[in-house]
Amino acid sequence: MGLFSRKAEPATSTAYAESHPHRTSATSDPEKVVVENEENTAPSAAQYVNPDTERRVVSKMDKRIPVLVSAGYLLAFLDRSNIGNARIAGMTEDLDLKGGDYDWFLTIFYSELEIPAVLPVIKGPRTVPSDDQATVSYIIGQIQGLCWKVIPPHIWACLVIAAWGIIATCQAAVKTWSGEMALRFLMGLFEAGYGPGVPFLLSFFYLRHEVGLRCGIFLSAAPLANTFAGALAYGITSGHSKLANWRLLFLVEGIPTLLFAPVAFFFLPDTPDKAKFLTEEERVVAKARGVRQVGGTDRVGTLDFKDVGRTLLDLKAWITSVSPAPSFEHVMDKMN
């Protein structure tokens, strides 16, 4: 059964080209068939994709792309959340944490904090961060989502994963509260370049009605990490090594992230037509799916600033960005 066919007649890509000379300009190259259909009759090209072949292509992508991006997100969640286990393992005593010092570690990553307020706090007395201050680190880093479109995804993913992996591992060597604050800020900044951009990457490979499920699988990596993070931390910190247990925790949980960076570089495809795990014919089908949805497949390497401007003028974008969910304690304070 071929790639492109009508219900009444099975056909190969070559047969499709021969039976539609006005669409293919007398070429039997299946890659050229799709490219020319992109320019001239993109919507109609997709109707010749064989459903069985399309299902096989989607199944192959499901076994690789969501698994890869979810693994990266799981590691990110382990690296950002192991600060709590490190606190229990002795970090509080070694860094001489007092009062709201530990709360600042959580806040600097992606909660509510004003940048000018950080500097005097690092140098002088520290207080518990206020719920009425602005946002930094993970939230500031959201602008990096544009990099998924400008830089080839496998390169960008490798860079940010390696960056936060190095920072997560370096936490094992921190000596002061201010040093840990700086590392937490940078880790939040680089992790923000990964997670928020993954749904955009998935849209390269899946149709609109398919993306939701794959995004759900991707986000489920966070609660999955929670199911064993505590047990893993206990296993790492229950020994009696020469290195402080909490330092060993940061070291052991940071190294897998560093090892995953080259995995993302070599195995994460940029676009359907560059997916090495697909055959040449399957790449044509995957590419045709993109043509059917957006009218083209050239979505990496260029940035349309008009689109950026239209997004900034969209009221819905501003509503979601300036309406943070209040904490439970903040709501109770307002009620009392």
C-alpha atoms as a PDB file:
ATOM      1  CA  MET A   1       0.000   0.000   0.000  1.00  0.00           C
ATOM      2  CA  GLY A   2       1.519   3.305  -1.069  1.00  0.00           C
ATOM      3  CA  LEU A   3       1.813   6.668   0.535  1.00  0.00           C
ATOM      4  CA  PHE A   4      -0.700   8.491  -1.542  1.00  0.00           C
ATOM      5  CA  SER A   5      -3.914   6.835  -2.684  1.00  0.00           C
ATOM      6  CA  ARG A   6      -7.563   7.325  -3.426  1.00  0.00           C
ATOM      7  CA  LYS A   7     -10.122   5.069  -1.845  1.00  0.00           C
ATOM      8  CA  ALA A   8     -10.752   3.215  -5.117  1.00  0.00           C
ATOM      9  CA  GLU A   9      -7.146   2.723  -6.196  1.00  0.00           C
ATOM     10  CA  PRO A  10      -4.002   2.015  -4.190  1.00  0.00           C
ATOM     11  CA  ALA A  11      -1.100   4.002  -5.516  1.00  0.00           C
ATOM     12  CA  THR A  12       2.560   4.595  -4.829  1.00  0.00           C
ATOM     13  CA  SER A  13       4.123   8.029  -4.753  1.00  0.00           C
ATOM     14  CA  THR A  14       5.332   7.447  -8.316  1.00  0.00           C
ATOM     15  CA  ALA A  15       1.846   6.493  -9.479  1.00  0.00           C
ATOM     16  CA  TYR A  16       0.487   9.624  -7.859  1.00  0.00           C
ATOM     17  CA  ALA A  17       3.008  11.727  -9.766  1.00  0.00           C
ATOM     18  CA  GLU A  18       2.150  10.028 -13.061  1.00  0.00           C
ATOM     19  CA  SER A  19      -1.581  10.441 -12.589  1.00  0.00           C
ATOM     20  CA  HIS A  20      -1.296  14.113 -11.526  1.00  0.00           C
ATOM     21  CA  PRO A  21       1.271  15.697 -13.881  1.00  0.00           C
ATOM     22  CA  HIS A  22      -0.167  19.173 -13.335  1.00  0.00           C
ATOM     23  CA  ARG A  23       0.560  18.826  -9.606  1.00  0.00           C
ATOM     24  CA  THR A  24       4.052  17.346  -9.817  1.00  0.00           C
ATOM     25  CA  SER A  25       5.551  18.844 -12.960  1.00  0.00           C
ATOM     26  CA  ALA A  26       6.257  15.357 -14.357  1.00  0.00           C
ATOM     27  CA  THR A  27       8.428  14.236 -11.488  1.00  0.00           C
ATOM     28  CA  SER A  28       8.196  10.949  -9.652  1.00  0.00           C
ATOM     29  CA  ASP A  29      10.267  12.083  -6.652  1.00  0.00           C
ATOM     30  CA  PRO A  30       7.931  11.852  -3.640  1.00  0.00           C
ATOM     31  CA  GLU A  31       9.853  14.594  -1.819  1.00  0.00           C
ATOM     32  CA  LYS A  32       9.284  16.986  -4.717  1.00  0.00           C
ATOM     33  CA  VAL A  33       5.631  16.027  -4.836  1.00  0.00           C
ATOM     34  CA  VAL A  34       5.114  17.344  -1.343  1.00  0.00           C
ATOM     35  CA  VAL A  35       7.242  20.441  -1.831  1.00  0.00           C
ATOM     36  CA  GLU A  36       5.387  21.478  -4.959  1.00  0.00           C
ATOM     37  CA  ASN A  37       2.067  20.795  -3.338  1.00  0.00           C
ATOM     38  CA  GLU A  38       3.142  23.064  -0.471  1.00  0.00           C
ATOM     39  CA  GLU A  39       3.482  25.948  -2.879  1.00  0.00           C
ATOM     40  CA  ASN A  40       0.492  25.326  -5.116  1.00  0.00           C
ATOM     41  CA  THR A  41      -2.190  23.064  -3.706  1.00  0.00           C
ATOM     42  CA  ALA A  42      -1.130  22.314  -0.123  1.00  0.00           C
ATOM     43  CA  PRO A  43      -4.605  21.589   1.282  1.00  0.00           C
ATOM     44  CA  SER A  44      -5.429  19.056  -1.417  1.00  0.00           C
ATOM     45  CA  ALA A  45      -2.119  17.190  -1.101  1.00  0.00           C
ATOM     46  CA  ALA A  46      -2.979  15.879   2.334  1.00  0.00           C
ATOM     47  CA  GLN A  47      -6.112  14.107   1.132  1.00  0.00           C
ATOM     48  CA  TYR A  48      -3.963  11.570  -0.736  1.00  0.00           C
ATOM     49  CA  VAL A  49      -2.065  10.464   2.382  1.00  0.00           C
ATOM     50  CA  ASN A  50      -2.884   6.856   3.066  1.00  0.00           C
ATOM     51  CA  PRO A  51      -4.535   6.570   6.542  1.00  0.00           C
ATOM     52  CA  ASP A  52      -2.738   3.316   7.403  1.00  0.00           C
ATOM     53  CA  THR A  53       0.635   4.827   6.569  1.00  0.00           C
ATOM     54  CA  GLU A  54      -0.202   7.949   8.541  1.00  0.00           C
ATOM     55  CA  ARG A  55      -1.108   5.898  11.612  1.00  0.00           C
ATOM     56  CA  ARG A  56       2.192   4.045  11.329  1.00  0.00           C
ATOM     57  CA  VAL A  57       4.087   7.329  11.159  1.00  0.00           C
ATOM     58  CA  VAL A  58       2.286   8.739  14.211  1.00  0.00           C
ATOM     59  CA  SER A  59       2.962   5.520  16.119  1.00  0.00           C
ATOM     60  CA  LYS A  60       6.681   5.737  15.344  1.00  0.00           C
ATOM     61  CA  MET A  61       6.819   9.361  16.447  1.00  0.00           C
ATOM     62  CA  ASP A  62       4.950   8.530  19.675  1.00  0.00           C
ATOM     63  CA  LYS A  63       7.595   5.979  20.621  1.00  0.00           C
ATOM     64  CA  ARG A  64      10.378   8.532  20.387  1.00  0.00           C
ATOM     65  CA  ILE A  65       9.532  12.237  20.586  1.00  0.00           C
ATOM     66  CA  PRO A  66       7.218  12.368  23.657  1.00  0.00           C
ATOM     67  CA  VAL A  67       9.526   9.925  25.438  1.00  0.00           C
ATOM     68  CA  LEU A  68      12.602  12.078  24.819  1.00  0.00           C
ATOM     69  CA  VAL A  69      11.059  15.408  25.816  1.00  0.00           C
ATOM     70  CA  SER A  70       9.349  13.849  28.856  1.00  0.00           C
ATOM     71  CA  ALA A  71      12.646  12.373  30.052  1.00  0.00           C
ATOM     72  CA  GLY A  72      14.209  15.825  29.875  1.00  0.00           C
ATOM     73  CA  TYR A  73      11.335  17.349  31.837  1.00  0.00           C
ATOM     74  CA  LEU A  74      11.551  14.610  34.465  1.00  0.00           C
ATOM     75  CA  LEU A  75      15.230  15.397  34.996  1.00  0.00           C
ATOM     76  CA  ALA A  76      14.439  19.101  35.165  1.00  0.00           C
ATOM     77  CA  PHE A  77      11.844  18.503  37.852  1.00  0.00           C
ATOM     78  CA  LEU A  78      14.233  16.335  39.875  1.00  0.00           C
ATOM     79  CA  ASP A  79      16.921  19.021  39.694  1.00  0.00           C
ATOM     80  CA  ARG A  80      14.632  21.844  40.738  1.00  0.00           C
ATOM     81  CA  SER A  81      12.835  19.988  43.543  1.00  0.00           C
ATOM     82  CA  ASN A  82      15.726  18.198  45.244  1.00  0.00           C
ATOM     83  CA  ILE A  83      16.393  21.364  47.247  1.00  0.00           C
ATOM     84  CA  GLY A  84      13.818  20.139  49.790  1.00  0.00           C
ATOM     85  CA  ASN A  85      15.532  16.800  50.245  1.00  0.00           C
ATOM     86  CA  ALA A  86      18.887  18.571  50.517  1.00  0.00           C
ATOM     87  CA  ARG A  87      17.491  20.694  53.330  1.00  0.00           C
ATOM     88  CA  ILE A  88      16.512  17.581  55.267  1.00  0.00           C
ATOM     89  CA  ALA A  89      19.916  15.998  54.576  1.00  0.00           C
ATOM     90  CA  GLY A  90      21.840  18.743  56.389  1.00  0.00           C
ATOM     91  CA  MET A  91      22.069  21.760  54.088  1.00  0.00           C
ATOM     92  CA  THR A  92      20.394  23.986  56.700  1.00  0.00           C
ATOM     93  CA  GLU A  93      23.192  23.459  59.222  1.00  0.00           C
ATOM     94  CA  ASP A  94      26.088  23.597  56.741  1.00  0.00           C
ATOM     95  CA  LEU A  95      24.935  26.844  55.119  1.00  0.00           C
ATOM     96  CA  ASP A  96      23.684  28.293  58.424  1.00  0.00           C
ATOM     97  CA  LEU A  97      20.185  28.946  57.107  1.00  0.00           C
ATOM     98  CA  LYS A  98      17.903  30.960  59.357  1.00  0.00           C
ATOM     99  CA  GLY A  99      14.390  32.341  59.206  1.00  0.00           C
ATOM    100  CA  GLY A 100      13.221  32.693  55.629  1.00  0.00           C
ATOM    101  CA  ASP A 101      16.558  31.795  54.016  1.00  0.00           C
ATOM    102  CA  TYR A 102      15.273  28.508  52.602  1.00  0.00           C
ATOM    103  CA  ASP A 103      12.110  30.185  51.280  1.00  0.00           C
ATOM    104  CA  TRP A 104      14.303  32.431  49.165  1.00  0.00           C
ATOM    105  CA  PHE A 105      15.731  29.376  47.390  1.00  0.00           C
ATOM    106  CA  LEU A 106      12.221  28.476  46.238  1.00  0.00           C
ATOM    107  CA  THR A 107      11.264  32.045  45.419  1.00  0.00           C
ATOM    108  CA  ILE A 108      14.314  32.958  43.348  1.00  0.00           C
ATOM    109  CA  PHE A 109      13.656  30.026  40.998  1.00  0.00           C
ATOM    110  CA  TYR A 110      10.259  30.991  39.586  1.00  0.00           C
ATOM    111  CA  SER A 111       8.037  32.623  42.148  1.00  0.00           C
ATOM    112  CA  GLU A 112       7.330  36.223  43.126  1.00  0.00           C
ATOM    113  CA  LEU A 113      10.395  38.387  43.616  1.00  0.00           C
ATOM    114  CA  GLU A 114      11.606  41.826  42.624  1.00  0.00           C
ATOM    115  CA  ILE A 115      15.055  41.926  41.061  1.00  0.00           C
ATOM    116  CA  PRO A 116      16.308  45.046  42.949  1.00  0.00           C
ATOM    117  CA  ALA A 117      15.180  43.400  46.181  1.00  0.00           C
ATOM    118  CA  VAL A 118      17.530  40.451  45.657  1.00  0.00           C
ATOM    119  CA  LEU A 119      20.827  42.315  45.830  1.00  0.00           C
ATOM    120  CA  PRO A 120      20.493  43.969  49.244  1.00  0.00           C
ATOM    121  CA  VAL A 121      19.056  40.756  50.656  1.00  0.00           C
ATOM    122  CA  ILE A 122      22.099  38.769  49.487  1.00  0.00           C
ATOM    123  CA  LYS A 123      24.421  41.230  51.233  1.00  0.00           C
ATOM    124  CA  GLY A 124      22.411  41.962  54.355  1.00  0.00           C
ATOM    125  CA  PRO A 125      19.583  40.630  56.543  1.00  0.00           C
ATOM    126  CA  ARG A 126      17.132  38.327  54.781  1.00  0.00           C
ATOM    127  CA  THR A 127      13.372  38.294  55.166  1.00  0.00           C
ATOM    128  CA  VAL A 128      10.652  36.051  53.833  1.00  0.00           C
ATOM    129  CA  PRO A 129       9.797  37.187  50.249  1.00  0.00           C
ATOM    130  CA  SER A 130       6.538  39.066  49.795  1.00  0.00           C
ATOM    131  CA  ASP A 131       3.606  37.774  47.728  1.00  0.00           C
ATOM    132  CA  ASP A 132       3.166  41.246  46.226  1.00  0.00           C
ATOM    133  CA  GLN A 133       6.511  41.436  44.419  1.00  0.00           C
ATOM    134  CA  ALA A 134       7.221  40.878  40.731  1.00  0.00           C
ATOM    135  CA  THR A 135       8.593  37.773  39.009  1.00  0.00           C
ATOM    136  CA  VAL A 136      12.075  36.615  37.912  1.00  0.00           C
ATOM    137  CA  SER A 137      14.210  33.698  36.725  1.00  0.00           C
ATOM    138  CA  TYR A 138      11.849  31.020  35.375  1.00  0.00           C
ATOM    139  CA  ILE A 139       9.287  33.651  34.345  1.00  0.00           C
ATOM    140  CA  ILE A 140      11.845  36.024  32.806  1.00  0.00           C
ATOM    141  CA  GLY A 141      13.308  33.086  30.898  1.00  0.00           C
ATOM    142  CA  GLN A 142      10.048  32.443  29.030  1.00  0.00           C
ATOM    143  CA  ILE A 143      11.300  34.687  26.200  1.00  0.00           C
ATOM    144  CA  GLN A 144      13.690  31.858  25.321  1.00  0.00           C
ATOM    145  CA  GLY A 145      10.724  30.051  23.784  1.00  0.00           C
ATOM    146  CA  LEU A 146      11.524  31.986  20.611  1.00  0.00           C
ATOM    147  CA  CYS A 147      14.854  30.162  20.400  1.00  0.00           C
ATOM    148  CA  TRP A 148      13.067  26.915  19.484  1.00  0.00           C
ATOM    149  CA  LYS A 149      12.124  28.635  16.225  1.00  0.00           C
ATOM    150  CA  VAL A 150      15.443  30.365  15.524  1.00  0.00           C
ATOM    151  CA  ILE A 151      17.903  27.640  16.594  1.00  0.00           C
ATOM    152  CA  PRO A 152      17.545  23.988  15.486  1.00  0.00           C
ATOM    153  CA  PRO A 153      15.628  22.299  18.339  1.00  0.00           C
ATOM    154  CA  HIS A 154      18.160  19.506  18.913  1.00  0.00           C
ATOM    155  CA  ILE A 155      20.919  22.088  19.412  1.00  0.00           C
ATOM    156  CA  TRP A 156      18.861  24.362  21.648  1.00  0.00           C
ATOM    157  CA  ALA A 157      17.598  21.488  23.808  1.00  0.00           C
ATOM    158  CA  CYS A 158      21.144  20.191  24.209  1.00  0.00           C
ATOM    159  CA  LEU A 159      22.430  23.630  25.253  1.00  0.00           C
ATOM    160  CA  VAL A 160      19.813  24.364  27.906  1.00  0.00           C
ATOM    161  CA  ILE A 161      19.865  20.812  29.316  1.00  0.00           C
ATOM    162  CA  ALA A 162      23.652  20.913  29.607  1.00  0.00           C
ATOM    163  CA  ALA A 163      23.499  24.395  31.168  1.00  0.00           C
ATOM    164  CA  TRP A 164      21.066  23.566  33.950  1.00  0.00           C
ATOM    165  CA  GLY A 165      22.770  20.185  34.449  1.00  0.00           C
ATOM    166  CA  ILE A 166      26.097  21.910  35.108  1.00  0.00           C
ATOM    167  CA  ILE A 167      24.447  24.349  37.504  1.00  0.00           C
ATOM    168  CA  ALA A 168      22.532  21.595  39.315  1.00  0.00           C
ATOM    169  CA  THR A 169      25.768  19.656  39.786  1.00  0.00           C
ATOM    170  CA  CYS A 170      27.685  22.735  40.955  1.00  0.00           C
ATOM    171  CA  GLN A 171      25.255  23.068  43.866  1.00  0.00           C
ATOM    172  CA  ALA A 172      27.307  20.287  45.474  1.00  0.00           C
ATOM    173  CA  ALA A 173      30.188  22.751  45.879  1.00  0.00           C
ATOM    174  CA  VAL A 174      28.261  25.756  47.193  1.00  0.00           C
ATOM    175  CA  LYS A 175      29.562  27.259  50.445  1.00  0.00           C
ATOM    176  CA  THR A 176      27.235  30.175  51.163  1.00  0.00           C
ATOM    177  CA  TRP A 177      23.575  31.128  51.025  1.00  0.00           C
ATOM    178  CA  SER A 178      24.254  33.785  48.378  1.00  0.00           C
ATOM    179  CA  GLY A 179      26.077  31.247  46.198  1.00  0.00           C
ATOM    180  CA  GLU A 180      23.103  28.892  46.292  1.00  0.00           C
ATOM    181  CA  MET A 181      20.794  31.803  45.492  1.00  0.00           C
ATOM    182  CA  ALA A 182      22.827  32.625  42.379  1.00  0.00           C
ATOM    183  CA  LEU A 183      22.798  29.000  41.219  1.00  0.00           C
ATOM    184  CA  ARG A 184      19.044  28.647  41.784  1.00  0.00           C
ATOM    185  CA  PHE A 185      18.430  31.808  39.764  1.00  0.00           C
ATOM    186  CA  LEU A 186      20.527  30.559  36.837  1.00  0.00           C
ATOM    187  CA  MET A 187      18.997  27.091  36.958  1.00  0.00           C
ATOM    188  CA  GLY A 188      15.505  28.565  36.747  1.00  0.00           C
ATOM    189  CA  LEU A 189      16.614  30.740  33.839  1.00  0.00           C
ATOM    190  CA  PHE A 190      17.914  27.818  31.800  1.00  0.00           C
ATOM    191  CA  GLU A 191      15.109  25.408  32.675  1.00  0.00           C
ATOM    192  CA  ALA A 192      12.698  28.043  31.385  1.00  0.00           C
ATOM    193  CA  GLY A 193      14.307  27.603  27.981  1.00  0.00           C
ATOM    194  CA  TYR A 194      13.184  23.979  27.835  1.00  0.00           C
ATOM    195  CA  GLY A 195       9.752  23.109  29.226  1.00  0.00           C
ATOM    196  CA  PRO A 196       7.666  26.005  27.869  1.00  0.00           C
ATOM    197  CA  GLY A 197       9.015  25.463  24.335  1.00  0.00           C
ATOM    198  CA  VAL A 198       8.271  21.737  24.090  1.00  0.00           C
ATOM    199  CA  PRO A 199       4.573  22.163  23.074  1.00  0.00           C
ATOM    200  CA  PHE A 200       5.793  24.298  20.163  1.00  0.00           C
ATOM    201  CA  LEU A 201       8.228  21.541  19.143  1.00  0.00           C
ATOM    202  CA  LEU A 202       5.457  18.923  19.335  1.00  0.00           C
ATOM    203  CA  SER A 203       3.362  21.023  16.972  1.00  0.00           C
ATOM    204  CA  PHE A 204       5.995  20.332  14.278  1.00  0.00           C
ATOM    205  CA  PHE A 205       5.082  16.653  14.316  1.00  0.00           C
ATOM    206  CA  TYR A 206       1.448  16.436  15.403  1.00  0.00           C
ATOM    207  CA  LEU A 207      -1.831  17.906  14.208  1.00  0.00           C
ATOM    208  CA  ARG A 208      -3.788  20.250  16.466  1.00  0.00           C
ATOM    209  CA  HIS A 209      -6.124  17.564  17.764  1.00  0.00           C
ATOM    210  CA  GLU A 210      -3.132  15.312  18.522  1.00  0.00           C
ATOM    211  CA  VAL A 211      -0.921  17.785  20.395  1.00  0.00           C
ATOM    212  CA  GLY A 212      -3.030  17.919  23.566  1.00  0.00           C
ATOM    213  CA  LEU A 213      -2.508  14.269  24.478  1.00  0.00           C
ATOM    214  CA  ARG A 214       1.234  14.467  23.831  1.00  0.00           C
ATOM    215  CA  CYS A 215       1.517  17.627  25.940  1.00  0.00           C
ATOM    216  CA  GLY A 216      -0.310  15.783  28.717  1.00  0.00           C
ATOM    217  CA  ILE A 217       2.194  12.927  28.500  1.00  0.00           C
ATOM    218  CA  PHE A 218       5.035  15.462  28.603  1.00  0.00           C
ATOM    219  CA  LEU A 219       3.667  17.269  31.680  1.00  0.00           C
ATOM    220  CA  SER A 220       2.968  13.979  33.457  1.00  0.00           C
ATOM    221  CA  ALA A 221       6.726  13.591  33.860  1.00  0.00           C
ATOM    222  CA  ALA A 222       6.572  16.045  36.794  1.00  0.00           C
ATOM    223  CA  PRO A 223       4.233  13.996  39.022  1.00  0.00           C
ATOM    224  CA  LEU A 224       6.063  10.875  37.867  1.00  0.00           C
ATOM    225  CA  ALA A 225       9.280  12.352  39.246  1.00  0.00           C
ATOM    226  CA  ASN A 226       7.494  13.013  42.526  1.00  0.00           C
ATOM    227  CA  THR A 227       6.622   9.331  42.908  1.00  0.00           C
ATOM    228  CA  PHE A 228      10.237   8.283  43.393  1.00  0.00           C
ATOM    229  CA  ALA A 229      12.148  11.514  44.146  1.00  0.00           C
ATOM    230  CA  GLY A 230      11.885  11.004  47.903  1.00  0.00           C
ATOM    231  CA  ALA A 231      12.925   7.360  47.787  1.00  0.00           C
ATOM    232  CA  LEU A 232      15.821   8.201  45.471  1.00  0.00           C
ATOM    233  CA  ALA A 233      16.990  10.996  47.762  1.00  0.00           C
ATOM    234  CA  TYR A 234      16.776   8.678  50.773  1.00  0.00           C
ATOM    235  CA  GLY A 235      18.886   6.059  49.019  1.00  0.00           C
ATOM    236  CA  ILE A 236      21.523   8.622  48.090  1.00  0.00           C
ATOM    237  CA  THR A 237      21.715  10.353  51.481  1.00  0.00           C
ATOM    238  CA  SER A 238      21.376   7.339  53.776  1.00  0.00           C
ATOM    239  CA  GLY A 239      25.018   6.340  53.421  1.00  0.00           C
ATOM    240  CA  HIS A 240      28.086   7.680  55.223  1.00  0.00           C
ATOM    241  CA  SER A 241      30.351   9.140  52.546  1.00  0.00           C
ATOM    242  CA  LYS A 242      33.150  11.644  53.113  1.00  0.00           C
ATOM    243  CA  LEU A 243      31.071  14.178  51.166  1.00  0.00           C
ATOM    244  CA  ALA A 244      28.117  15.748  52.978  1.00  0.00           C
ATOM    245  CA  ASN A 245      24.941  13.864  52.135  1.00  0.00           C
ATOM    246  CA  TRP A 246      23.158  16.878  50.683  1.00  0.00           C
ATOM    247  CA  ARG A 247      26.148  17.660  48.463  1.00  0.00           C
ATOM    248  CA  LEU A 248      26.199  14.062  47.259  1.00  0.00           C
ATOM    249  CA  LEU A 249      22.490  14.383  46.438  1.00  0.00           C
ATOM    250  CA  PHE A 250      23.070  17.384  44.170  1.00  0.00           C
ATOM    251  CA  LEU A 251      26.017  15.631  42.520  1.00  0.00           C
ATOM    252  CA  VAL A 252      24.307  12.304  41.845  1.00  0.00           C
ATOM    253  CA  GLU A 253      21.062  13.851  40.560  1.00  0.00           C
ATOM    254  CA  GLY A 254      22.858  16.422  38.414  1.00  0.00           C
ATOM    255  CA  ILE A 255      25.086  14.009  36.497  1.00  0.00           C
ATOM    256  CA  PRO A 256      22.212  12.198  34.663  1.00  0.00           C
ATOM    257  CA  THR A 257      21.097  15.560  33.277  1.00  0.00           C
ATOM    258  CA  LEU A 258      24.573  16.163  31.869  1.00  0.00           C
ATOM    259  CA  LEU A 259      24.530  12.718  30.270  1.00  0.00           C
ATOM    260  CA  PHE A 260      21.119  13.381  28.740  1.00  0.00           C
ATOM    261  CA  ALA A 261      22.286  16.506  26.876  1.00  0.00           C
ATOM    262  CA  PRO A 262      24.117  14.564  24.112  1.00  0.00           C
ATOM    263  CA  VAL A 263      21.130  12.196  23.878  1.00  0.00           C
ATOM    264  CA  ALA A 264      18.940  15.186  23.011  1.00  0.00           C
ATOM    265  CA  PHE A 265      21.518  16.409  20.505  1.00  0.00           C
ATOM    266  CA  PHE A 266      21.764  13.142  18.573  1.00  0.00           C
ATOM    267  CA  PHE A 267      18.234  11.747  18.849  1.00  0.00           C
ATOM    268  CA  LEU A 268      15.796  14.696  19.023  1.00  0.00           C
ATOM    269  CA  PRO A 269      14.636  15.518  15.469  1.00  0.00           C
ATOM    270  CA  ASP A 270      14.190  19.122  14.406  1.00  0.00           C
ATOM    271  CA  THR A 271      11.381  18.540  11.925  1.00  0.00           C
ATOM    272  CA  PRO A 272       9.532  15.521  10.463  1.00  0.00           C
ATOM    273  CA  ASP A 273      11.651  15.472   7.312  1.00  0.00           C
ATOM    274  CA  LYS A 274      14.813  15.195   9.464  1.00  0.00           C
ATOM    275  CA  ALA A 275      13.550  12.344  11.656  1.00  0.00           C
ATOM    276  CA  LYS A 276      16.120   9.573  11.161  1.00  0.00           C
ATOM    277  CA  PHE A 277      13.821   6.910  12.615  1.00  0.00           C
ATOM    278  CA  LEU A 278      11.384   7.373   9.716  1.00  0.00           C
ATOM    279  CA  THR A 279      11.886   5.902   6.265  1.00  0.00           C
ATOM    280  CA  GLU A 280      12.047   8.196   3.272  1.00  0.00           C
ATOM    281  CA  GLU A 281       8.428   7.447   2.390  1.00  0.00           C
ATOM    282  CA  GLU A 282       7.298   8.024   5.975  1.00  0.00           C
ATOM    283  CA  ARG A 283       9.040  11.392   6.033  1.00  0.00           C
ATOM    284  CA  VAL A 284       6.970  12.398   3.013  1.00  0.00           C
ATOM    285  CA  VAL A 285       3.790  11.511   4.888  1.00  0.00           C
ATOM    286  CA  ALA A 286       4.925  13.369   8.034  1.00  0.00           C
ATOM    287  CA  LYS A 287       5.789  16.383   5.929  1.00  0.00           C
ATOM    288  CA  ALA A 288       2.440  16.273   4.148  1.00  0.00           C
ATOM    289  CA  ARG A 289       0.703  16.342   7.539  1.00  0.00           C
ATOM    290  CA  GLY A 290       2.470  19.611   8.302  1.00  0.00           C
ATOM    291  CA  VAL A 291       1.449  21.020   4.944  1.00  0.00           C
ATOM    292  CA  ARG A 292      -2.156  20.061   5.648  1.00  0.00           C
ATOM    293  CA  GLN A 293      -2.130  21.916   8.956  1.00  0.00           C
ATOM    294  CA  VAL A 294      -0.145  25.114   8.368  1.00  0.00           C
ATOM    295  CA  GLY A 295       0.409  25.200   4.606  1.00  0.00           C
ATOM    296  CA  GLY A 296       4.168  24.678   4.843  1.00  0.00           C
ATOM    297  CA  THR A 297       6.962  22.921   6.733  1.00  0.00           C
ATOM    298  CA  ASP A 298       9.661  25.605   6.941  1.00  0.00           C
ATOM    299  CA  ARG A 299       9.202  26.515  10.613  1.00  0.00           C
ATOM    300  CA  VAL A 300      12.763  26.507  11.968  1.00  0.00           C
ATOM    301  CA  GLY A 301      15.461  29.086  11.253  1.00  0.00           C
ATOM    302  CA  THR A 302      13.233  32.115  10.749  1.00  0.00           C
ATOM    303  CA  LEU A 303      11.394  34.492  13.057  1.00  0.00           C
ATOM    304  CA  ASP A 304       8.541  36.686  11.872  1.00  0.00           C
ATOM    305  CA  PHE A 305       8.539  39.774  14.082  1.00  0.00           C
ATOM    306  CA  LYS A 306       5.071  40.619  12.831  1.00  0.00           C
ATOM    307  CA  ASP A 307       3.857  37.451  14.562  1.00  0.00           C
ATOM    308  CA  VAL A 308       5.649  38.559  17.725  1.00  0.00           C
ATOM    309  CA  GLY A 309       3.950  41.942  17.494  1.00  0.00           C
ATOM    310  CA  ARG A 310       0.531  40.382  16.964  1.00  0.00           C
ATOM    311  CA  THR A 311       1.074  38.221  20.032  1.00  0.00           C
ATOM    312  CA  LEU A 312       1.993  41.246  22.142  1.00  0.00           C
ATOM    313  CA  LEU A 313      -1.189  42.958  20.986  1.00  0.00           C
ATOM    314  CA  ASP A 314      -3.344  39.945  21.836  1.00  0.00           C
ATOM    315  CA  LEU A 315      -5.298  40.615  25.043  1.00  0.00           C
ATOM    316  CA  LYS A 316      -5.447  36.893  25.891  1.00  0.00           C
ATOM    317  CA  ALA A 317      -1.646  36.720  26.133  1.00  0.00           C
ATOM    318  CA  TRP A 318      -1.578  39.575  28.646  1.00  0.00           C
ATOM    319  CA  ILE A 319      -4.413  38.141  30.736  1.00  0.00           C
ATOM    320  CA  THR A 320      -2.529  34.870  31.269  1.00  0.00           C
ATOM    321  CA  SER A 321       0.760  36.650  32.019  1.00  0.00           C
ATOM    322  CA  VAL A 322      -0.487  39.165  34.603  1.00  0.00           C
ATOM    323  CA  SER A 323      -2.946  36.890  36.419  1.00  0.00           C
ATOM    324  CA  PRO A 324      -0.851  34.599  38.652  1.00  0.00           C
ATOM    325  CA  ALA A 325      -2.690  32.139  40.868  1.00  0.00           C
ATOM    326  CA  PRO A 326      -2.493  33.366  44.479  1.00  0.00           C
ATOM    327  CA  SER A 327      -1.087  31.126  47.156  1.00  0.00           C
ATOM    328  CA  PHE A 328      -3.376  29.508  49.711  1.00  0.00           C
ATOM    329  CA  GLU A 329      -1.831  31.563  52.515  1.00  0.00           C
ATOM    330  CA  HIS A 330      -2.312  34.777  50.520  1.00  0.00           C
ATOM    331  CA  VAL A 331      -6.007  33.987  49.999  1.00  0.00           C
ATOM    332  CA  MET A 332      -6.511  33.252  53.701  1.00  0.00           C
ATOM    333  CA  ASP A 333      -4.797  36.521  54.651  1.00  0.00           C
ATOM    334  CA  LYS A 334      -7.172  38.449  52.417  1.00  0.00           C
ATOM    335  CA  MET A 335     -10.203  36.659  53.887  1.00  0.00           C
ATOM    336  CA  ASN A 336      -9.219  37.400  57.514  1.00  0.00           C
END
